[in-house]
């Protein structure tokens, strides 16, 4: 059991002091230091915040809402994911103190935690993921994940991260197929480990932390496979939170099946993790596991349904996207798993048909974290006008008066998501979640610069009506810092700085052919001319903001 806590509130010459400390015995002496002069602590706090704001990227868009929300999201990122602190769950440190926190105050790993933390990479805050990695690598968490893999597959070297867990990676909220058969929970986290290396170049981290975690997660995928018709297949898994629309009988009971063979998101995640493992092995001078190479050859990228010109991506074998579904995981080959560069022309056509069907099914079940993910998908597939409109709907539906993202829609008419709860008093049923905030800010930045198919795409989500846009000091995988301006409907200026040697593939504007830029550590590259009014486009940084 967790230890007890003692707390005291005192008025001091410098203000009020609230001190709290974990204590097995309730001994108040542990709070003595909390009543001392805090001037040094306050100075250290100000210095930390000054340094934090100085290194954050800036954005400029015609709608000032985006800039204000961007700064607020960066503030929340710092508070919720502070290095040396506690990993952020669904609500970070802002838990309700007037009711029981929703979802057991846990860590949801089928999309939510990953959305909260992904903003840290492009903003130069990769170290903010370390507390999360520490939690996953703690003895208790490792024992839980290894125990899961042992129970399900009889292996001792696997790591099976379930859907919703506590800070020891113990499953919360009940056991079921949706909890234990979503291998992409661990796979997506493995990709965050890999992204940390891509952003920092920390080879020790790659060898000692990233590779062991990715290997352990991949062992689960390996054991889940079976031979089928000359290829590899996952006989049973889920597509996150999808339940099929037709009834089936299980043990004589009529129910709606929520699992099947070869779910597309599991196949896609496996390929993305394989790509990371193969690249990591090459970086470390290690020989790749032969099974990884075999999986790349014989494991499908995704599952399909339909024939001929109607062939498109299935949720799992025999299951189409029959209804509106908030978890866009069957399209995860676009984002976050980004494996489209290795798809064939026919597979791209199948993907296009799948996007058409996804749009046809509508948005009636989407929640606050679904809209940003949809925007990120559309940006990468050359939808330039709709992201702005989706942001407008998201802003009206899911931002409260404090600009916090809420899980329940604020009014009826555009969504049926949790309608019964939507009609309850907002004072007691408004659920704040950080995933929507952080995913929203990440999608805002993706409008200006995003990675897709190995390319840095500039201004891919900027609509024609926005004549001016800019960003500065955005971090990009490989150790690059990128700034750019767009005016008059064209990219006018771009600067790339290299923190370490590497080659960047860059698309200066939508529809243009990418160029390759090779730089040594410390070198920079410029294209075009920075506008005279650039000081209005690039937002200045203010100390202590």
Protein backbone atom coordinates (compact mmCIF):
# COMPACT_ATOMS: atom_id res chain seq x y z
CA UNK A 1 0.00 0.00 0.00
CA UNK A 2 1.08 3.59 -0.54
CA UNK A 3 2.34 5.47 2.55
CA UNK A 4 0.23 8.12 4.19
CA UNK A 5 0.67 11.85 3.67
CA UNK A 6 0.97 14.75 6.11
CA UNK A 7 0.44 18.36 5.08
CA UNK A 8 0.47 21.83 6.64
CA UNK A 9 -0.52 25.31 5.50
CA UNK A 10 1.34 28.30 6.95
CA UNK A 11 1.54 32.03 6.41
CA UNK A 12 5.17 33.08 5.97
CA UNK A 13 6.85 36.48 5.33
CA UNK A 14 7.16 35.63 1.65
CA UNK A 15 3.55 34.45 1.30
CA UNK A 16 1.66 31.26 2.02
CA UNK A 17 3.33 27.87 2.18
CA UNK A 18 1.62 24.54 1.60
CA UNK A 19 3.96 21.66 2.42
CA UNK A 20 3.15 17.99 1.96
CA UNK A 21 5.25 14.88 2.36
CA UNK A 22 4.73 11.14 2.28
CA UNK A 23 5.11 9.74 5.78
CA UNK A 24 4.63 6.23 7.11
CA UNK A 25 4.14 7.44 10.69
CA UNK A 26 2.51 10.83 10.23
CA UNK A 27 5.57 12.58 11.71
CA UNK A 28 5.21 16.33 11.05
CA UNK A 29 8.94 16.95 11.47
CA UNK A 30 9.42 15.97 7.84
CA UNK A 31 7.63 19.22 6.92
CA UNK A 32 10.05 21.51 8.76
CA UNK A 33 12.02 22.44 5.66
CA UNK A 34 8.81 23.47 3.96
CA UNK A 35 8.43 26.39 6.35
CA UNK A 36 11.92 27.78 5.72
CA UNK A 37 12.72 30.74 3.49
CA UNK A 38 11.95 29.76 -0.07
CA UNK A 39 13.84 32.56 -1.80
CA UNK A 40 16.42 30.20 -3.29
CA UNK A 41 13.76 27.79 -4.42
CA UNK A 42 11.79 30.61 -6.02
CA UNK A 43 14.90 31.84 -7.82
CA UNK A 44 15.60 28.33 -9.08
CA UNK A 45 12.01 28.03 -10.27
CA UNK A 46 12.19 31.33 -12.15
CA UNK A 47 15.48 30.31 -13.74
CA UNK A 48 13.98 26.99 -14.84
CA UNK A 49 10.96 28.67 -16.41
CA UNK A 50 13.12 31.32 -18.11
CA UNK A 51 15.29 28.60 -19.65
CA UNK A 52 12.20 26.63 -20.65
CA UNK A 53 10.55 29.51 -22.48
CA UNK A 54 13.78 30.55 -24.16
CA UNK A 55 14.12 27.22 -25.95
CA UNK A 56 10.50 26.74 -27.03
CA UNK A 57 9.59 27.00 -30.72
CA UNK A 58 7.29 29.84 -31.73
CA UNK A 59 4.47 29.87 -34.26
CA UNK A 60 2.57 32.64 -36.01
CA UNK A 61 -0.79 32.18 -37.72
CA UNK A 62 -3.47 34.67 -38.81
CA UNK A 63 -5.90 33.42 -36.17
CA UNK A 64 -4.48 34.57 -32.84
CA UNK A 65 -6.29 31.74 -31.07
CA UNK A 66 -3.65 29.31 -32.27
CA UNK A 67 -0.79 31.32 -30.78
CA UNK A 68 -2.52 31.73 -27.42
CA UNK A 69 -3.47 28.06 -27.25
CA UNK A 70 0.07 27.08 -28.28
CA UNK A 71 1.61 28.94 -25.35
CA UNK A 72 -0.95 27.51 -22.93
CA UNK A 73 -0.24 23.98 -24.15
CA UNK A 74 3.50 24.50 -23.68
CA UNK A 75 2.86 25.68 -20.13
CA UNK A 76 0.75 22.60 -19.41
CA UNK A 77 3.37 20.34 -20.98
CA UNK A 78 5.99 21.73 -18.62
CA UNK A 79 3.78 21.32 -15.56
CA UNK A 80 2.50 17.84 -16.37
CA UNK A 81 5.73 16.23 -17.59
CA UNK A 82 8.45 17.97 -15.56
CA UNK A 83 11.77 16.07 -15.68
CA UNK A 84 12.34 14.37 -12.35
CA UNK A 85 8.63 14.46 -11.61
CA UNK A 86 5.70 12.09 -11.83
CA UNK A 87 4.64 10.76 -15.26
CA UNK A 88 1.49 12.37 -16.58
CA UNK A 89 -1.73 10.40 -16.74
CA UNK A 90 -4.90 11.50 -18.49
CA UNK A 91 -5.26 14.67 -16.42
CA UNK A 92 -1.71 15.35 -15.31
CA UNK A 93 -1.59 17.24 -11.98
CA UNK A 94 -5.03 18.82 -12.49
CA UNK A 95 -7.18 16.10 -10.96
CA UNK A 96 -10.65 17.02 -9.75
CA UNK A 97 -10.69 17.58 -6.00
CA UNK A 98 -14.49 17.56 -5.85
CA UNK A 99 -15.17 14.09 -7.25
CA UNK A 100 -13.50 10.79 -8.01
CA UNK A 101 -11.09 11.23 -10.95
CA UNK A 102 -12.32 9.45 -14.08
CA UNK A 103 -10.83 6.21 -15.40
CA UNK A 104 -9.14 5.41 -12.10
CA UNK A 105 -6.66 8.25 -12.69
CA UNK A 106 -4.68 5.74 -14.77
CA UNK A 107 -2.39 5.65 -17.80
CA UNK A 108 -4.17 4.83 -21.08
CA UNK A 109 -1.65 3.48 -23.56
CA UNK A 110 -3.80 2.86 -26.64
CA UNK A 111 -3.52 6.53 -27.70
CA UNK A 112 -3.87 8.94 -24.79
CA UNK A 113 -0.49 8.89 -23.04
CA UNK A 114 1.28 8.92 -26.40
CA UNK A 115 -0.67 12.03 -27.44
CA UNK A 116 0.23 13.80 -24.21
CA UNK A 117 3.95 13.20 -24.67
CA UNK A 118 4.44 13.50 -28.44
CA UNK A 119 4.44 17.30 -28.23
CA UNK A 120 7.72 17.11 -26.30
CA UNK A 121 9.77 16.06 -29.32
CA UNK A 122 9.33 18.93 -31.80
CA UNK A 123 9.45 21.45 -28.96
CA UNK A 124 12.90 20.34 -27.81
CA UNK A 125 11.70 18.81 -24.56
CA UNK A 126 12.62 15.17 -25.10
CA UNK A 127 13.92 14.90 -21.54
CA UNK A 128 10.32 15.32 -20.37
CA UNK A 129 9.70 11.71 -21.43
CA UNK A 130 12.29 10.32 -19.03
CA UNK A 131 9.92 10.01 -16.02
CA UNK A 132 7.55 8.01 -18.23
CA UNK A 133 10.38 5.75 -19.37
CA UNK A 134 11.52 5.41 -15.75
CA UNK A 135 8.04 4.23 -14.79
CA UNK A 136 7.97 1.63 -17.57
CA UNK A 137 11.42 0.38 -16.59
CA UNK A 138 10.79 0.20 -12.85
CA UNK A 139 11.06 -3.28 -11.31
CA UNK A 140 7.33 -3.38 -10.59
CA UNK A 141 6.35 -2.38 -14.14
CA UNK A 142 8.82 -4.76 -15.73
CA UNK A 143 7.52 -7.58 -13.54
CA UNK A 144 3.93 -6.79 -14.54
CA UNK A 145 4.65 -6.66 -18.28
CA UNK A 146 6.82 -9.79 -18.18
CA UNK A 147 4.14 -11.55 -16.18
CA UNK A 148 1.55 -10.64 -18.81
CA UNK A 149 3.75 -12.01 -21.60
CA UNK A 150 4.44 -15.16 -19.61
CA UNK A 151 0.77 -15.76 -18.89
CA UNK A 152 -0.34 -15.22 -22.49
CA UNK A 153 2.58 -16.67 -24.48
CA UNK A 154 4.73 -18.64 -22.03
CA UNK A 155 7.83 -16.50 -22.59
CA UNK A 156 10.11 -14.83 -20.05
CA UNK A 157 11.68 -12.17 -22.28
CA UNK A 158 8.54 -10.41 -23.53
CA UNK A 159 6.98 -7.11 -22.43
CA UNK A 160 3.20 -6.97 -22.77
CA UNK A 161 1.85 -3.54 -21.84
CA UNK A 162 -1.90 -3.58 -21.40
CA UNK A 163 -4.35 -0.84 -22.27
CA UNK A 164 -5.01 1.01 -18.98
CA UNK A 165 -2.56 0.66 -16.11
CA UNK A 166 -1.45 2.16 -12.81
CA UNK A 167 2.05 3.47 -12.13
CA UNK A 168 3.28 -0.11 -11.71
CA UNK A 169 1.79 -1.17 -15.06
CA UNK A 170 -0.88 -3.23 -13.37
CA UNK A 171 -4.09 -3.39 -15.38
CA UNK A 172 -6.87 -1.07 -14.13
CA UNK A 173 -10.57 -1.22 -14.84
CA UNK A 174 -10.95 -4.92 -15.47
CA UNK A 175 -9.42 -7.53 -17.75
CA UNK A 176 -10.69 -8.29 -21.21
CA UNK A 177 -9.70 -8.74 -24.83
CA UNK A 178 -9.45 -4.98 -25.30
CA UNK A 179 -7.02 -4.74 -22.41
CA UNK A 180 -4.61 -7.61 -23.03
CA UNK A 181 -4.65 -8.18 -26.80
CA UNK A 182 -3.75 -4.66 -27.90
CA UNK A 183 -0.07 -5.25 -28.63
CA UNK A 184 0.16 -1.80 -30.22
CA UNK A 185 0.05 -0.22 -26.74
CA UNK A 186 3.61 -1.37 -26.12
CA UNK A 187 4.53 -0.99 -29.78
CA UNK A 188 3.59 2.69 -29.86
CA UNK A 189 5.55 3.29 -26.65
CA UNK A 190 8.52 1.52 -28.22
CA UNK A 191 8.33 4.03 -31.07
CA UNK A 192 8.48 6.89 -28.55
CA UNK A 193 11.72 5.36 -27.24
CA UNK A 194 13.03 5.31 -30.81
CA UNK A 195 11.88 8.88 -31.41
CA UNK A 196 13.76 9.98 -28.29
CA UNK A 197 16.95 8.64 -29.85
CA UNK A 198 16.21 10.24 -33.21
CA UNK A 199 15.78 13.62 -31.52
CA UNK A 200 18.71 13.44 -29.10
CA UNK A 201 21.25 11.14 -30.75
CA UNK A 202 21.90 9.57 -27.33
CA UNK A 203 23.51 6.24 -28.28
CA UNK A 204 23.78 5.10 -24.67
CA UNK A 205 20.04 5.58 -24.26
CA UNK A 206 19.49 3.65 -27.49
CA UNK A 207 21.64 0.71 -26.39
CA UNK A 208 20.68 0.51 -22.72
CA UNK A 209 17.05 1.62 -22.66
CA UNK A 210 15.40 1.82 -26.08
CA UNK A 211 16.63 -1.47 -27.55
CA UNK A 212 15.74 -3.61 -24.52
CA UNK A 213 12.22 -2.17 -24.40
CA UNK A 214 11.64 -2.47 -28.15
CA UNK A 215 13.01 -6.02 -28.18
CA UNK A 216 10.73 -7.02 -25.32
CA UNK A 217 7.66 -5.62 -27.04
CA UNK A 218 8.59 -7.21 -30.36
CA UNK A 219 8.88 -10.59 -28.64
CA UNK A 220 5.13 -10.38 -27.99
CA UNK A 221 4.44 -9.70 -31.68
CA UNK A 222 6.74 -12.58 -32.62
CA UNK A 223 4.96 -15.04 -30.37
CA UNK A 224 1.55 -13.87 -31.57
CA UNK A 225 2.32 -14.85 -35.18
CA UNK A 226 1.41 -18.01 -37.03
CA UNK A 227 1.98 -19.31 -40.55
CA UNK A 228 -0.99 -18.94 -42.89
CA UNK A 229 -1.07 -19.43 -46.66
CA UNK A 230 2.64 -18.75 -47.04
CA UNK A 231 2.64 -15.55 -45.03
CA UNK A 232 2.66 -14.53 -41.38
CA UNK A 233 -0.57 -13.71 -39.58
CA UNK A 234 -1.78 -12.51 -36.18
CA UNK A 235 -4.64 -14.95 -35.44
CA UNK A 236 -6.33 -12.88 -32.74
CA UNK A 237 -6.00 -9.27 -31.62
CA UNK A 238 -8.03 -6.07 -31.50
CA UNK A 239 -8.36 -2.75 -33.25
CA UNK A 240 -8.48 -0.30 -30.38
CA UNK A 241 -12.01 0.19 -29.04
CA UNK A 242 -13.73 -1.14 -32.17
CA UNK A 243 -16.67 -3.51 -31.73
CA UNK A 244 -18.13 -4.98 -34.91
CA UNK A 245 -21.69 -4.14 -35.89
CA UNK A 246 -22.92 -7.67 -36.48
CA UNK A 247 -23.85 -10.07 -33.68
CA UNK A 248 -22.00 -13.34 -33.10
CA UNK A 249 -22.52 -16.18 -30.65
CA UNK A 250 -19.80 -16.86 -28.08
CA UNK A 251 -20.42 -19.76 -25.69
CA UNK A 252 -24.09 -19.60 -26.63
CA UNK A 253 -24.38 -15.91 -25.79
CA UNK A 254 -25.11 -13.30 -28.45
CA UNK A 255 -22.56 -10.48 -28.39
CA UNK A 256 -20.71 -8.13 -30.67
CA UNK A 257 -17.25 -9.36 -31.53
CA UNK A 258 -14.45 -6.94 -30.64
CA UNK A 259 -11.46 -8.89 -31.96
CA UNK A 260 -10.37 -10.72 -35.06
CA UNK A 261 -7.53 -11.90 -37.28
CA UNK A 262 -4.89 -9.47 -38.55
CA UNK A 263 -6.18 -6.11 -37.28
CA UNK A 264 -4.67 -3.48 -39.56
CA UNK A 265 -3.37 -1.29 -36.76
CA UNK A 266 -1.50 -4.23 -35.19
CA UNK A 267 0.12 -5.13 -38.52
CA UNK A 268 1.05 -1.52 -39.17
CA UNK A 269 2.48 -1.06 -35.68
CA UNK A 270 4.53 -4.24 -36.02
CA UNK A 271 6.08 -2.92 -39.25
CA UNK A 272 6.86 0.46 -37.70
CA UNK A 273 8.51 -1.19 -34.70
CA UNK A 274 10.44 -3.52 -37.01
CA UNK A 275 11.72 -0.49 -38.92
CA UNK A 276 12.87 1.08 -35.65
CA UNK A 277 14.59 -2.12 -34.50
CA UNK A 278 16.37 -2.62 -37.81
CA UNK A 279 17.55 1.00 -37.88
CA UNK A 280 18.62 0.84 -34.23
CA UNK A 281 20.57 -2.37 -34.81
CA UNK A 282 22.37 -0.71 -37.71
CA UNK A 283 23.18 2.34 -35.57
CA UNK A 284 24.68 0.11 -32.88
CA UNK A 285 26.52 -2.17 -35.28
CA UNK A 286 24.43 -5.19 -34.31
CA UNK A 287 23.21 -7.94 -36.60
CA UNK A 288 19.42 -7.83 -36.98
CA UNK A 289 17.40 -10.78 -35.79
CA UNK A 290 16.63 -12.99 -38.83
CA UNK A 291 12.97 -13.20 -37.79
CA UNK A 292 12.67 -9.40 -38.07
CA UNK A 293 13.75 -9.57 -41.71
CA UNK A 294 11.33 -12.43 -42.34
CA UNK A 295 8.51 -10.44 -40.74
CA UNK A 296 9.26 -7.45 -42.99
CA UNK A 297 8.96 -9.74 -46.02
CA UNK A 298 5.96 -11.87 -45.09
CA UNK A 299 3.80 -9.89 -42.67
CA UNK A 300 1.14 -7.80 -44.50
CA UNK A 301 1.21 -4.05 -43.95
CA UNK A 302 -2.53 -4.10 -43.31
CA UNK A 303 -5.63 -6.22 -43.82
CA UNK A 304 -7.98 -5.53 -46.75
CA UNK A 305 -11.63 -6.05 -47.59
CA UNK A 306 -13.50 -5.78 -50.89
CA UNK A 307 -12.46 -6.72 -54.40
CA UNK A 308 -10.93 -4.94 -57.38
CA UNK A 309 -11.51 -1.20 -57.42
CA UNK A 310 -13.35 -1.44 -54.10
CA UNK A 311 -10.48 -3.06 -52.19
CA UNK A 312 -9.58 -1.02 -49.11
CA UNK A 313 -8.27 -1.32 -45.57
CA UNK A 314 -10.23 -3.50 -43.16
CA UNK A 315 -10.43 -3.14 -39.40
CA UNK A 316 -9.54 -6.83 -39.20
CA UNK A 317 -10.20 -9.77 -41.50
CA UNK A 318 -13.81 -9.60 -42.67
CA UNK A 319 -14.61 -6.43 -40.70
CA UNK A 320 -15.16 -3.19 -42.60
CA UNK A 321 -15.41 0.27 -41.07
CA UNK A 322 -19.17 -0.11 -40.78
CA UNK A 323 -19.78 2.80 -38.42
CA UNK A 324 -18.22 6.06 -37.33
CA UNK A 325 -15.34 5.16 -35.03
CA UNK A 326 -13.35 7.59 -32.93
CA UNK A 327 -10.10 5.61 -32.88
CA UNK A 328 -8.50 6.16 -36.30
CA UNK A 329 -6.07 3.29 -35.77
CA UNK A 330 -6.79 1.49 -39.05
CA UNK A 331 -5.22 4.55 -40.73
CA UNK A 332 -2.21 4.63 -38.40
CA UNK A 333 0.14 3.79 -41.28
CA UNK A 334 -0.16 7.52 -42.06
CA UNK A 335 0.33 8.71 -38.48
CA UNK A 336 1.73 7.89 -35.98
CA UNK A 337 3.34 4.77 -37.46
CA UNK A 338 4.34 6.45 -40.75
CA UNK A 339 5.10 3.48 -43.00
CA UNK A 340 3.57 4.90 -46.18
CA UNK A 341 6.98 5.29 -47.83
CA UNK A 342 7.19 1.51 -48.21
CA UNK A 343 3.67 0.97 -49.59
CA UNK A 344 3.13 0.04 -53.23
CA UNK A 345 1.10 2.16 -55.66
CA UNK A 346 -1.81 -0.26 -55.32
CA UNK A 347 -1.63 -0.06 -51.53
CA UNK A 348 -1.75 3.73 -51.75
CA UNK A 349 -4.90 3.44 -53.87
CA UNK A 350 -6.39 1.15 -51.24
CA UNK A 351 -5.47 3.71 -48.61
CA UNK A 352 -7.17 6.49 -50.59
CA UNK A 353 -10.40 4.47 -50.76
CA UNK A 354 -10.15 3.87 -47.03
CA UNK A 355 -9.87 7.59 -46.36
CA UNK A 356 -12.94 8.19 -48.52
CA UNK A 357 -14.91 5.65 -46.48
CA UNK A 358 -13.61 7.12 -43.21
CA UNK A 359 -14.88 10.55 -44.27
CA UNK A 360 -18.20 9.05 -45.34
CA UNK A 361 -18.72 7.48 -41.91
CA UNK A 362 -18.59 10.93 -40.34
CA UNK A 363 -17.53 12.42 -37.01
CA UNK A 364 -20.54 11.66 -34.83
CA UNK A 365 -18.60 9.56 -32.30
CA UNK A 366 -15.41 11.60 -32.08
CA UNK A 367 -14.19 12.98 -28.77
CA UNK A 368 -11.71 15.76 -27.98
CA UNK A 369 -8.59 13.74 -28.82
CA UNK A 370 -10.00 12.35 -32.09
CA UNK A 371 -10.16 15.66 -33.97
CA UNK A 372 -6.43 16.47 -33.68
CA UNK A 373 -5.51 12.96 -34.82
CA UNK A 374 -7.84 13.30 -37.82
CA UNK A 375 -6.22 16.65 -38.63
CA UNK A 376 -2.78 15.06 -38.52
CA UNK A 377 -3.91 12.34 -40.91
CA UNK A 378 -5.42 14.83 -43.35
CA UNK A 379 -2.38 17.12 -43.35
CA UNK A 380 -0.11 14.28 -44.38
CA UNK A 381 -2.44 13.28 -47.21
CA UNK A 382 -2.56 16.76 -48.76
CA UNK A 383 -5.86 17.98 -47.29
CA UNK A 384 -5.02 21.67 -46.96
CA UNK A 385 -8.41 23.29 -46.37
CA UNK A 386 -10.22 20.91 -44.02
CA UNK A 387 -7.75 20.99 -41.08
CA UNK A 388 -8.65 24.62 -40.32
CA UNK A 389 -12.37 23.77 -40.34
CA UNK A 390 -11.87 20.74 -38.11
CA UNK A 391 -9.95 22.91 -35.68
CA UNK A 392 -12.89 25.31 -35.61
CA UNK A 393 -15.34 22.53 -34.73
CA UNK A 394 -12.96 21.11 -32.14
CA UNK A 395 -12.53 24.52 -30.55
CA UNK A 396 -16.29 25.07 -30.19
CA UNK A 397 -17.14 21.53 -29.12
CA UNK A 398 -14.35 20.63 -26.74
CA UNK A 399 -12.67 23.75 -25.32
CA UNK A 400 -14.16 25.16 -22.15
CA UNK A 401 -13.93 28.74 -20.90
CA UNK A 402 -10.44 28.05 -19.51
CA UNK A 403 -9.25 26.73 -22.90
CA UNK A 404 -8.98 23.22 -21.43
CA UNK A 405 -9.98 20.28 -23.61
CA UNK A 406 -12.92 18.37 -22.20
CA UNK A 407 -13.92 14.80 -22.98
CA UNK A 408 -17.65 15.48 -23.23
CA UNK A 409 -18.97 17.73 -26.03
CA UNK A 410 -20.23 21.10 -24.83
CA UNK A 411 -23.46 20.98 -26.88
CA UNK A 412 -25.56 18.69 -29.06
CA UNK A 413 -26.04 18.70 -32.81
CA UNK A 414 -22.65 17.67 -34.20
CA UNK A 415 -21.77 14.59 -32.20
CA UNK A 416 -23.44 11.75 -30.34
CA UNK A 417 -20.35 11.00 -28.27
CA UNK A 418 -21.50 10.06 -24.76
CA UNK A 419 -24.87 11.78 -25.24
CA UNK A 420 -26.30 10.58 -21.92
CA UNK A 421 -23.40 12.18 -20.04
CA UNK A 422 -23.52 15.26 -22.26
CA UNK A 423 -26.98 16.06 -20.91
CA UNK A 424 -25.86 15.95 -17.27
CA UNK A 425 -24.85 19.12 -15.35
CA UNK A 426 -21.50 20.29 -16.65
CA UNK A 427 -20.36 21.33 -13.18
CA UNK A 428 -20.11 17.68 -12.16
CA UNK A 429 -19.64 15.89 -15.47
CA UNK A 430 -17.11 17.96 -17.40
CA UNK A 431 -14.05 15.74 -17.73
CA UNK A 432 -10.79 17.51 -18.55
CA UNK A 433 -8.18 15.46 -20.40
CA UNK A 434 -4.68 16.54 -21.41
CA UNK A 435 -4.53 14.29 -24.47
CA UNK A 436 -6.79 16.63 -26.44
CA UNK A 437 -4.75 19.68 -25.45
CA UNK A 438 -1.37 18.20 -26.31
CA UNK A 439 -2.60 16.50 -29.47
CA UNK A 440 -4.25 19.76 -30.50
CA UNK A 441 -1.00 21.69 -30.07
CA UNK A 442 0.93 18.99 -31.93
CA UNK A 443 -1.56 19.14 -34.80
CA UNK A 444 -1.25 22.94 -34.89
CA UNK A 445 2.48 22.57 -35.35
CA UNK A 446 1.94 19.86 -37.96
CA UNK A 447 0.04 22.41 -40.06
CA UNK A 448 3.33 24.30 -40.28
CA UNK A 449 5.84 21.44 -40.32
CA UNK A 450 5.44 17.69 -40.02
CA UNK A 451 7.29 14.50 -40.85
CA UNK A 452 5.76 12.13 -43.37
CA UNK A 453 7.39 9.33 -45.36
CA UNK A 454 10.85 10.47 -44.33
CA UNK A 455 10.31 14.08 -45.41
CA UNK A 456 9.98 17.35 -43.52
CA UNK A 457 6.86 18.90 -45.08
CA UNK A 458 6.51 22.67 -44.70
CA UNK A 459 3.09 24.39 -44.51
CA UNK A 460 1.23 21.24 -45.58
CA UNK A 461 -1.85 22.19 -43.55
CA UNK A 462 -2.01 25.92 -44.27
CA UNK A 463 -5.17 26.84 -46.24
CA UNK A 464 -5.08 29.22 -49.19
CA UNK A 465 -6.92 31.90 -47.20
CA UNK A 466 -4.03 32.18 -44.75
CA UNK A 467 -1.59 34.36 -46.62
CA UNK A 468 0.99 34.46 -43.83
CA UNK A 469 2.37 31.84 -41.47
CA UNK A 470 5.68 31.20 -39.75
CA UNK A 471 7.50 29.11 -37.19
CA UNK A 472 10.94 29.14 -35.62
CA UNK A 473 13.29 26.67 -33.91
CA UNK A 474 11.20 23.54 -34.37
CA UNK A 475 13.24 20.42 -33.65
CA UNK A 476 13.22 17.67 -36.24
CA UNK A 477 14.54 14.09 -36.07
CA UNK A 478 18.23 13.88 -36.85
CA UNK A 479 19.22 16.86 -34.73
CA UNK A 480 17.85 19.61 -37.00
CA UNK A 481 16.29 22.93 -35.98
CA UNK A 482 14.05 24.43 -38.65
CA UNK A 483 12.50 27.88 -39.10
CA UNK A 484 10.41 29.06 -42.04
CA UNK A 485 8.07 31.81 -43.25
CA UNK A 486 5.22 31.77 -45.74
CA UNK A 487 3.72 34.91 -47.25
CA UNK A 488 1.56 35.62 -50.26
CA UNK A 489 0.72 31.95 -50.55
CA UNK A 490 4.37 30.92 -51.00
CA UNK A 491 7.27 29.78 -48.83
CA UNK A 492 9.56 32.82 -48.65
CA UNK A 493 12.26 31.72 -46.24
CA UNK A 494 13.65 28.58 -44.62
CA UNK A 495 16.61 28.02 -42.33
CA UNK A 496 17.97 24.67 -41.16
CA UNK A 497 20.55 24.32 -38.39
CA UNK A 498 22.26 21.00 -37.68
CA UNK A 499 23.15 20.06 -34.13
CA UNK A 500 24.85 16.92 -35.45
CA UNK A 501 25.87 15.70 -38.90
CA UNK A 502 23.08 14.37 -41.07
CA UNK A 503 20.93 14.64 -44.19
CA UNK A 504 17.48 16.21 -44.21
CA UNK A 505 14.85 15.58 -46.87
CA UNK A 506 12.83 18.79 -47.12
CA UNK A 507 9.68 19.78 -49.01
CA UNK A 508 9.56 23.58 -49.04
CA UNK A 509 5.89 23.80 -50.01
CA UNK A 510 2.96 21.47 -50.75
CA UNK A 511 3.28 19.81 -54.13
CA UNK A 512 6.96 20.66 -54.58
CA UNK A 513 9.63 18.05 -55.14
CA UNK A 514 11.63 17.39 -51.94
CA UNK A 515 15.28 18.38 -51.80
CA UNK A 516 18.08 16.83 -49.74
CA UNK A 517 20.34 18.89 -47.51
CA UNK A 518 23.50 17.40 -45.97
CA UNK A 519 25.06 19.32 -43.10
CA UNK A 520 27.92 18.82 -40.67
CA UNK A 521 27.40 19.42 -36.98
CA UNK A 522 27.09 23.16 -36.36
CA UNK A 523 26.41 24.04 -40.00
CA UNK A 524 23.32 25.86 -41.23
CA UNK A 525 21.48 26.23 -44.56
CA UNK A 526 19.24 29.05 -45.73
CA UNK A 527 16.80 29.41 -48.60
CA UNK A 528 15.05 32.61 -49.67
CA UNK A 529 14.93 35.91 -47.83
CA UNK A 530 13.48 36.56 -44.43
CA UNK A 531 10.76 39.20 -44.69
CA UNK A 532 11.35 42.69 -43.35
CA UNK A 533 8.22 42.29 -41.24
CA UNK A 534 9.41 38.94 -39.98
CA UNK A 535 9.48 40.24 -36.43
CA UNK A 536 5.70 40.30 -36.62
CA UNK A 537 5.54 36.75 -37.88
CA UNK A 538 7.97 35.18 -35.44
CA UNK A 539 6.59 35.68 -31.96
CA UNK A 540 9.10 37.09 -29.50
CA UNK A 541 9.87 35.23 -26.30
CA UNK A 542 9.27 36.94 -23.00
CA UNK A 543 11.06 35.87 -19.85
CA UNK A 544 8.98 34.07 -17.29
CA UNK A 545 5.94 33.85 -19.56
